[in-house]
């Protein structure tokens, strides 16, 4: 019943977004995904990562067959594209295999085996649908929120020393190599999440059930709730409001001033600013930071190489979000608090709500709300007293981190002490 309810709610949400996108004359998430069955996919690695998640319910023999079928389909499609001189890409085969497994589950499986395979298919499709849903959400934010609140955040960011300006100059100094590496890390965040999730779900085929809590659950909920905050606090980012747009796309006609990253913005009374109808209002909170934080947290119980990868992805994502001018420092703090609060809620939902869980989620939500209110209504005070508000912002984030660590340690199963055998009385 829980999976059926989740499926119905997800389908209704996708249909709603499809209708909303159609109102603006653009295809929605369902249409975009259906087009990738034939046309060039937007992200081939994401489709293969989704197929890998789906295959956790298959046996090793079935996995080899599925992977071979996906690669074979992609080779055939690539030959057709080469013949007609179309865009060369990959990923269609992975999507065909996922849908093929859904057909097999319905027509060739029954009982628990059918349910388990459908869960695997749903898990894979959810990761893809999450990407398409996010794209549609971003479109809606740009169409429905003509004014942005960047001036409030850049003013509040003075309390942190305007880290985006500092990181931007550092990235420029690294040259094209550093830029390309960080850009790749930033773009393939969902693939990194799939790798960690595959480790967490590695025993599903053997145990014939999914664990109660894993990375994908938190990842998808962050992507579902985050855009709602975008609608409340629309922000485009420093490279758009104070620069030339991403990769020099000519955004200077809408910019307040061309200052990023060489010149720090002056402190002045903030006000909403009119911006274009194309650029997404996707800064507050930084969902890339939230997702990278979740990847880091869920990689902690993996092997050393996975822990190292989770740490690298978090650090590189923070460098990219700031160094490319996509986010302000205050966005990063809000993103960390947002991620840990949602993950704590998902853990509590799985294990049952207890007092520590309720307190942690309530505290995290309160801190997040206070951050948003402060950024909106106290930016001048924050800029005027950076040695007070800067440490306060960091302490607020650290308090949520410590609360999360302390509470989750209470939830971890304790190792039972080894009972020593009682000494037997000696026989005289």
Protein backbone atom coordinates (compact mmCIF):
# COMPACT_ATOMS: atom_id res chain seq x y z
CA UNK A 1 0.00 0.00 0.00
CA UNK A 2 2.85 2.39 0.83
CA UNK A 3 4.56 1.83 -2.52
CA UNK A 4 1.25 2.07 -4.39
CA UNK A 5 0.41 5.33 -2.64
CA UNK A 6 3.87 6.74 -3.38
CA UNK A 7 3.47 5.77 -7.03
CA UNK A 8 0.08 7.44 -7.35
CA UNK A 9 1.29 10.62 -5.64
CA UNK A 10 4.41 10.74 -7.84
CA UNK A 11 2.37 10.25 -11.02
CA UNK A 12 -0.09 12.96 -9.99
CA UNK A 13 2.78 15.33 -9.24
CA UNK A 14 4.39 14.65 -12.64
CA UNK A 15 1.08 15.23 -14.43
CA UNK A 16 0.61 18.51 -12.57
CA UNK A 17 4.07 19.70 -13.61
CA UNK A 18 3.40 18.58 -17.18
CA UNK A 19 0.25 20.70 -17.30
CA UNK A 20 2.05 23.67 -15.73
CA UNK A 21 4.87 23.46 -18.29
CA UNK A 22 2.39 23.21 -21.15
CA UNK A 23 0.85 26.49 -20.03
CA UNK A 24 4.17 28.14 -20.91
CA UNK A 25 4.40 26.36 -24.26
CA UNK A 26 7.14 23.92 -23.22
CA UNK A 27 7.18 20.13 -22.71
CA UNK A 28 7.00 18.85 -19.14
CA UNK A 29 8.87 16.04 -17.38
CA UNK A 30 6.77 13.20 -18.83
CA UNK A 31 7.18 14.42 -22.42
CA UNK A 32 10.90 15.06 -21.98
CA UNK A 33 11.44 11.57 -20.62
CA UNK A 34 9.36 9.91 -23.34
CA UNK A 35 11.39 11.71 -26.01
CA UNK A 36 14.58 10.13 -24.71
CA UNK A 37 13.36 6.72 -25.85
CA UNK A 38 14.27 7.80 -29.40
CA UNK A 39 15.93 11.21 -29.38
CA UNK A 40 19.30 12.16 -27.88
CA UNK A 41 19.20 11.91 -24.07
CA UNK A 42 20.23 14.92 -22.04
CA UNK A 43 22.37 12.82 -19.68
CA UNK A 44 23.52 9.36 -20.70
CA UNK A 45 25.51 8.72 -17.49
CA UNK A 46 22.39 9.46 -15.43
CA UNK A 47 20.33 6.93 -17.42
CA UNK A 48 22.97 4.25 -16.93
CA UNK A 49 23.20 5.10 -13.22
CA UNK A 50 19.41 4.72 -13.01
CA UNK A 51 19.64 1.33 -14.76
CA UNK A 52 22.33 0.28 -12.29
CA UNK A 53 20.00 1.15 -9.41
CA UNK A 54 17.24 -0.88 -11.02
CA UNK A 55 19.55 -3.89 -11.38
CA UNK A 56 20.05 -4.25 -7.61
CA UNK A 57 16.95 -6.50 -7.66
CA UNK A 58 18.37 -8.77 -10.40
CA UNK A 59 20.67 -11.76 -10.21
CA UNK A 60 24.19 -11.45 -11.60
CA UNK A 61 23.19 -13.36 -14.75
CA UNK A 62 20.24 -11.05 -15.31
CA UNK A 63 22.46 -8.03 -14.71
CA UNK A 64 24.90 -9.09 -17.42
CA UNK A 65 22.04 -9.68 -19.84
CA UNK A 66 20.47 -6.28 -19.04
CA UNK A 67 23.78 -4.42 -19.37
CA UNK A 68 24.57 -6.18 -22.65
CA UNK A 69 21.14 -5.36 -24.03
CA UNK A 70 21.51 -1.68 -23.09
CA UNK A 71 24.95 -1.42 -24.70
CA UNK A 72 23.75 -3.26 -27.80
CA UNK A 73 20.77 -0.94 -28.23
CA UNK A 74 23.00 2.11 -27.78
CA UNK A 75 25.43 0.84 -30.42
CA UNK A 76 22.59 0.26 -32.88
CA UNK A 77 21.12 3.70 -32.20
CA UNK A 78 24.57 5.30 -32.51
CA UNK A 79 25.04 3.72 -35.95
CA UNK A 80 21.72 5.15 -37.10
CA UNK A 81 22.63 8.60 -35.75
CA UNK A 82 26.01 8.43 -37.43
CA UNK A 83 24.36 7.50 -40.72
CA UNK A 84 21.96 10.45 -40.63
CA UNK A 85 24.60 12.82 -39.17
CA UNK A 86 22.62 13.40 -35.95
CA UNK A 87 23.94 14.25 -32.49
CA UNK A 88 26.08 11.43 -31.14
CA UNK A 89 25.14 10.53 -27.58
CA UNK A 90 24.12 7.49 -25.54
CA UNK A 91 21.65 6.38 -22.88
CA UNK A 92 18.60 5.26 -24.89
CA UNK A 93 19.51 1.62 -24.33
CA UNK A 94 19.51 2.02 -20.54
CA UNK A 95 16.03 3.56 -20.61
CA UNK A 96 14.73 0.80 -22.90
CA UNK A 97 16.09 -1.85 -20.52
CA UNK A 98 14.45 -0.22 -17.48
CA UNK A 99 11.07 -0.15 -19.23
CA UNK A 100 11.63 -3.68 -20.53
CA UNK A 101 12.13 -4.92 -16.97
CA UNK A 102 8.84 -3.26 -16.02
CA UNK A 103 7.07 -5.19 -18.81
CA UNK A 104 8.74 -8.46 -17.72
CA UNK A 105 7.69 -7.84 -14.09
CA UNK A 106 4.05 -7.40 -15.09
CA UNK A 107 3.85 -10.22 -17.65
CA UNK A 108 6.36 -12.85 -16.45
CA UNK A 109 6.57 -12.44 -12.67
CA UNK A 110 4.07 -12.82 -9.85
CA UNK A 111 3.80 -12.31 -6.12
CA UNK A 112 6.84 -11.04 -4.19
CA UNK A 113 9.13 -11.38 -7.24
CA UNK A 114 6.93 -9.05 -9.30
CA UNK A 115 6.74 -6.53 -6.47
CA UNK A 116 10.50 -6.54 -5.91
CA UNK A 117 11.24 -6.03 -9.62
CA UNK A 118 8.69 -3.23 -9.88
CA UNK A 119 10.30 -1.57 -6.87
CA UNK A 120 13.65 -1.72 -8.64
CA UNK A 121 12.16 -0.25 -11.83
CA UNK A 122 10.47 2.47 -9.80
CA UNK A 123 13.74 3.31 -8.05
CA UNK A 124 15.54 3.70 -11.38
CA UNK A 125 12.77 5.76 -12.96
CA UNK A 126 12.52 7.99 -9.89
CA UNK A 127 16.14 9.07 -10.26
CA UNK A 128 15.51 10.00 -13.91
CA UNK A 129 12.14 11.60 -13.15
CA UNK A 130 13.75 13.63 -10.38
CA UNK A 131 16.08 15.22 -12.94
CA UNK A 132 13.24 15.99 -15.34
CA UNK A 133 11.03 17.28 -12.54
CA UNK A 134 13.82 19.60 -11.40
CA UNK A 135 14.19 21.01 -14.90
CA UNK A 136 10.46 21.78 -15.05
CA UNK A 137 10.50 23.32 -11.57
CA UNK A 138 13.32 25.62 -12.63
CA UNK A 139 11.33 26.68 -15.67
CA UNK A 140 8.36 27.52 -13.47
CA UNK A 141 10.48 29.61 -11.10
CA UNK A 142 11.83 31.70 -13.98
CA UNK A 143 8.35 32.29 -15.42
CA UNK A 144 6.47 33.02 -12.18
CA UNK A 145 9.07 34.98 -10.19
CA UNK A 146 10.13 37.99 -12.31
CA UNK A 147 11.88 39.70 -9.38
CA UNK A 148 14.87 38.21 -7.56
CA UNK A 149 16.21 38.85 -4.05
CA UNK A 150 19.93 38.64 -4.80
CA UNK A 151 20.68 42.02 -3.28
CA UNK A 152 19.46 40.77 0.10
CA UNK A 153 21.76 37.74 -0.02
CA UNK A 154 24.83 39.57 -1.28
CA UNK A 155 24.39 42.09 1.52
CA UNK A 156 23.99 39.37 4.14
CA UNK A 157 26.97 37.56 2.60
CA UNK A 158 29.25 40.37 3.79
CA UNK A 159 29.01 38.72 7.21
CA UNK A 160 30.89 35.74 5.73
CA UNK A 161 33.37 37.79 3.71
CA UNK A 162 31.64 37.23 0.33
CA UNK A 163 33.19 33.75 -0.22
CA UNK A 164 31.86 33.48 -3.78
CA UNK A 165 34.10 36.36 -4.85
CA UNK A 166 37.11 34.77 -3.17
CA UNK A 167 36.43 31.31 -4.62
CA UNK A 168 35.80 32.79 -8.06
CA UNK A 169 39.26 34.35 -8.17
CA UNK A 170 40.85 31.11 -6.96
CA UNK A 171 39.10 29.08 -9.69
CA UNK A 172 40.23 31.58 -12.31
CA UNK A 173 43.81 31.14 -11.09
CA UNK A 174 43.64 27.34 -11.52
CA UNK A 175 43.09 27.68 -15.26
CA UNK A 176 41.06 25.37 -17.51
CA UNK A 177 42.04 22.12 -15.77
CA UNK A 178 40.50 23.06 -12.41
CA UNK A 179 37.46 24.52 -14.16
CA UNK A 180 36.78 21.36 -16.21
CA UNK A 181 37.22 19.03 -13.23
CA UNK A 182 34.85 21.02 -11.02
CA UNK A 183 32.34 21.41 -13.84
CA UNK A 184 32.29 17.64 -14.35
CA UNK A 185 31.85 17.01 -10.61
CA UNK A 186 29.06 19.59 -10.45
CA UNK A 187 27.20 18.10 -13.42
CA UNK A 188 27.47 14.43 -12.40
CA UNK A 189 26.18 14.75 -8.84
CA UNK A 190 23.31 12.33 -9.47
CA UNK A 191 25.78 9.71 -10.75
CA UNK A 192 27.81 10.04 -7.53
CA UNK A 193 24.60 9.55 -5.55
CA UNK A 194 23.84 6.41 -7.54
CA UNK A 195 27.28 4.97 -6.71
CA UNK A 196 26.73 5.42 -2.97
CA UNK A 197 23.18 4.07 -3.26
CA UNK A 198 24.45 0.99 -5.11
CA UNK A 199 26.71 0.20 -2.16
CA UNK A 200 23.82 0.63 0.28
CA UNK A 201 21.53 -1.56 -1.86
CA UNK A 202 24.13 -4.21 -2.75
CA UNK A 203 22.34 -6.98 -0.80
CA UNK A 204 18.81 -6.40 -2.10
CA UNK A 205 18.98 -9.27 -4.60
CA UNK A 206 20.05 -11.67 -1.85
CA UNK A 207 17.77 -10.47 0.96
CA UNK A 208 14.85 -9.88 -1.48
CA UNK A 209 13.94 -6.61 0.22
CA UNK A 210 15.07 -2.98 0.33
CA UNK A 211 16.59 -1.42 3.46
CA UNK A 212 14.31 0.95 5.35
CA UNK A 213 16.49 4.03 4.75
CA UNK A 214 18.94 4.76 1.96
CA UNK A 215 20.40 7.68 0.06
CA UNK A 216 17.87 7.77 -2.79
CA UNK A 217 14.98 8.51 -0.42
CA UNK A 218 16.63 11.61 1.03
CA UNK A 219 17.98 12.64 -2.37
CA UNK A 220 14.53 12.66 -3.95
CA UNK A 221 12.81 14.43 -1.04
CA UNK A 222 15.43 17.20 -1.16
CA UNK A 223 14.71 17.63 -4.87
CA UNK A 224 10.97 17.68 -4.21
CA UNK A 225 10.92 20.22 -1.37
CA UNK A 226 13.83 22.45 -2.39
CA UNK A 227 12.14 24.09 -5.40
CA UNK A 228 9.25 25.11 -3.16
CA UNK A 229 11.74 27.29 -1.26
CA UNK A 230 12.87 28.73 -4.61
CA UNK A 231 9.34 30.05 -5.06
CA UNK A 232 9.47 31.75 -1.66
CA UNK A 233 13.02 33.11 -1.97
CA UNK A 234 13.84 33.54 -5.70
CA UNK A 235 17.58 34.11 -6.30
CA UNK A 236 19.67 33.65 -9.48
CA UNK A 237 23.22 33.87 -8.12
CA UNK A 238 26.20 36.25 -8.18
CA UNK A 239 27.41 35.40 -11.69
CA UNK A 240 24.03 36.50 -13.07
CA UNK A 241 23.25 39.49 -10.87
CA UNK A 242 26.82 40.77 -10.58
CA UNK A 243 28.52 39.22 -13.61
CA UNK A 244 28.09 38.29 -17.26
CA UNK A 245 26.04 35.15 -16.81
CA UNK A 246 27.14 31.51 -16.76
CA UNK A 247 30.06 30.90 -19.13
CA UNK A 248 29.73 34.42 -20.49
CA UNK A 249 26.21 34.01 -21.85
CA UNK A 250 25.55 37.73 -22.05
CA UNK A 251 23.66 38.19 -18.81
CA UNK A 252 25.19 41.63 -18.25
CA UNK A 253 22.08 43.32 -19.68
CA UNK A 254 20.16 42.13 -16.60
CA UNK A 255 23.02 42.44 -14.09
CA UNK A 256 22.97 45.10 -11.39
CA UNK A 257 26.70 45.63 -12.00
CA UNK A 258 29.59 43.71 -13.55
CA UNK A 259 31.56 43.03 -10.35
CA UNK A 260 31.96 39.25 -9.98
CA UNK A 261 34.56 38.01 -9.09
CA UNK A 262 37.10 40.85 -9.23
CA UNK A 263 35.36 43.61 -7.24
CA UNK A 264 33.46 43.15 -3.99
CA UNK A 265 29.92 44.56 -4.13
CA UNK A 266 29.31 47.67 -2.02
CA UNK A 267 26.97 47.58 0.96
CA UNK A 268 23.72 49.32 0.05
CA UNK A 269 20.06 49.05 1.00
CA UNK A 270 18.79 45.92 -0.82
CA UNK A 271 15.60 45.71 -2.86
CA UNK A 272 14.02 43.20 -5.30
CA UNK A 273 15.47 43.33 -8.82
CA UNK A 274 13.70 42.49 -12.08
CA UNK A 275 15.41 39.67 -14.02
CA UNK A 276 14.78 37.70 -17.22
CA UNK A 277 12.26 34.88 -17.78
CA UNK A 278 14.90 32.26 -18.60
CA UNK A 279 17.38 32.04 -15.73
CA UNK A 280 16.22 29.66 -12.93
CA UNK A 281 15.74 31.13 -9.45
CA UNK A 282 17.54 28.17 -7.88
CA UNK A 283 19.96 29.49 -5.27
CA UNK A 284 18.22 29.49 -1.91
CA UNK A 285 18.97 26.97 -0.55
CA UNK A 286 21.88 25.46 -2.49
CA UNK A 287 20.48 22.04 -3.41
CA UNK A 288 23.81 20.96 -4.89
CA UNK A 289 25.28 21.54 -1.44
CA UNK A 290 22.37 19.70 0.16
CA UNK A 291 22.78 16.70 -2.15
CA UNK A 292 26.57 16.63 -1.76
CA UNK A 293 26.13 16.77 2.03
CA UNK A 294 23.78 13.80 1.85
CA UNK A 295 26.25 11.85 -0.30
CA UNK A 296 28.97 12.59 2.26
CA UNK A 297 26.80 11.48 5.19
CA UNK A 298 25.67 8.24 3.55
CA UNK A 299 29.19 7.33 2.43
CA UNK A 300 30.52 7.34 6.01
CA UNK A 301 29.66 3.68 6.62
CA UNK A 302 31.16 2.47 3.36
CA UNK A 303 34.69 1.27 2.61
CA UNK A 304 37.60 3.69 2.64
CA UNK A 305 37.47 4.42 -1.09
CA UNK A 306 33.77 5.31 -0.83
CA UNK A 307 34.37 7.57 2.18
CA UNK A 308 37.18 9.30 0.30
CA UNK A 309 34.94 9.76 -2.75
CA UNK A 310 32.13 11.21 -0.62
CA UNK A 311 34.52 13.68 0.99
CA UNK A 312 36.00 14.67 -2.38
CA UNK A 313 32.55 15.18 -3.91
CA UNK A 314 31.43 17.42 -1.04
CA UNK A 315 34.56 19.59 -1.15
CA UNK A 316 34.57 19.81 -4.96
CA UNK A 317 30.86 20.67 -5.05
CA UNK A 318 31.34 23.47 -2.51
CA UNK A 319 34.25 24.82 -4.56
CA UNK A 320 32.17 24.67 -7.76
CA UNK A 321 29.03 26.26 -6.35
CA UNK A 322 30.99 29.20 -5.02
CA UNK A 323 33.81 29.36 -7.57
CA UNK A 324 31.49 29.36 -10.60
CA UNK A 325 29.38 32.11 -9.07
CA UNK A 326 26.25 29.97 -8.80
CA UNK A 327 25.70 30.57 -5.08
CA UNK A 328 26.42 32.90 -2.18
CA UNK A 329 27.98 31.74 1.08
CA UNK A 330 24.68 32.05 2.93
CA UNK A 331 23.12 29.63 0.41
CA UNK A 332 25.68 27.00 1.39
CA UNK A 333 24.88 27.28 5.09
CA UNK A 334 21.16 26.98 4.38
CA UNK A 335 21.79 23.97 2.12
CA UNK A 336 23.67 22.04 4.82
CA UNK A 337 20.94 22.69 7.42
CA UNK A 338 18.26 21.76 4.87
CA UNK A 339 19.94 18.45 3.97
CA UNK A 340 20.57 17.25 7.53
CA UNK A 341 17.04 18.14 8.63
CA UNK A 342 15.46 16.18 5.78
CA UNK A 343 17.75 13.18 6.28
CA UNK A 344 16.92 13.16 9.99
CA UNK A 345 13.21 13.23 9.12
CA UNK A 346 13.59 10.34 6.67
CA UNK A 347 15.52 8.30 9.25
CA UNK A 348 12.84 9.00 11.85
CA UNK A 349 10.11 8.04 9.40
CA UNK A 350 11.83 4.69 8.87
CA UNK A 351 12.66 3.78 12.47
CA UNK A 352 9.68 5.45 14.16
CA UNK A 353 9.46 8.93 15.60
CA UNK A 354 11.03 9.25 19.03
CA UNK A 355 11.85 12.25 21.17
CA UNK A 356 15.45 12.79 19.90
CA UNK A 357 14.26 12.55 16.29
CA UNK A 358 11.41 14.99 16.77
CA UNK A 359 13.68 17.43 18.57
CA UNK A 360 16.36 17.26 15.86
CA UNK A 361 13.92 17.78 12.98
CA UNK A 362 12.12 20.59 14.80
CA UNK A 363 15.42 22.29 15.65
CA UNK A 364 16.76 21.96 12.10
CA UNK A 365 13.54 23.34 10.62
CA UNK A 366 13.61 26.24 13.08
CA UNK A 367 17.22 27.11 12.28
CA UNK A 368 16.45 26.97 8.55
CA UNK A 369 13.44 29.26 8.94
CA UNK A 370 15.44 31.72 11.08
CA UNK A 371 18.15 31.80 8.41
CA UNK A 372 15.66 32.67 5.68
CA UNK A 373 14.02 35.38 7.79
CA UNK A 374 17.39 36.85 8.72
CA UNK A 375 18.59 36.95 5.12
CA UNK A 376 15.41 38.73 4.08
CA UNK A 377 14.89 41.21 6.91
CA UNK A 378 18.31 41.68 8.60
CA UNK A 379 20.84 41.89 5.73
CA UNK A 380 21.99 45.41 6.56
CA UNK A 381 22.57 44.51 10.20
CA UNK A 382 24.49 41.39 9.14
CA UNK A 383 26.69 43.39 6.77
CA UNK A 384 27.25 46.10 9.37
CA UNK A 385 28.34 43.68 12.10
CA UNK A 386 30.17 40.84 10.31
CA UNK A 387 32.19 39.81 13.38
CA UNK A 388 28.92 39.13 15.18
CA UNK A 389 26.68 37.64 12.50
CA UNK A 390 29.39 35.69 10.65
CA UNK A 391 30.22 33.49 13.65
CA UNK A 392 26.52 33.24 14.51
CA UNK A 393 25.73 31.86 11.05
CA UNK A 394 28.52 29.31 11.30
CA UNK A 395 27.52 28.35 14.84
CA UNK A 396 23.92 27.83 13.75
CA UNK A 397 25.05 25.43 11.03
CA UNK A 398 27.53 23.65 13.33
CA UNK A 399 24.85 23.21 16.01
CA UNK A 400 22.64 21.35 13.51
CA UNK A 401 25.61 19.22 12.41
CA UNK A 402 26.47 18.30 16.00
CA UNK A 403 22.82 17.58 16.80
CA UNK A 404 22.60 15.31 13.77
CA UNK A 405 25.80 13.42 14.67
CA UNK A 406 24.79 13.00 18.30
CA UNK A 407 21.25 11.84 17.51
CA UNK A 408 22.21 9.39 14.76
CA UNK A 409 24.80 7.84 17.06
CA UNK A 410 21.99 7.15 19.53
CA UNK A 411 20.11 5.40 16.73
CA UNK A 412 23.00 3.21 15.64
CA UNK A 413 22.66 -0.39 16.85
CA UNK A 414 24.88 -1.07 19.82
CA UNK A 415 27.14 -4.08 19.78
CA UNK A 416 26.02 -6.57 22.40
CA UNK A 417 28.75 -7.47 24.92
CA UNK A 418 30.09 -10.99 24.66
CA UNK A 419 28.78 -13.05 27.53
CA UNK A 420 31.44 -15.04 29.35
CA UNK A 421 30.48 -18.59 30.31
CA UNK A 422 29.77 -19.03 33.98
CA UNK A 423 32.44 -21.04 35.82
CA UNK A 424 31.33 -24.59 36.52
CA UNK A 425 31.73 -25.89 40.08
CA UNK A 426 34.55 -28.37 40.45
CA UNK A 427 33.61 -31.91 41.18
CA UNK A 428 35.30 -33.30 44.28
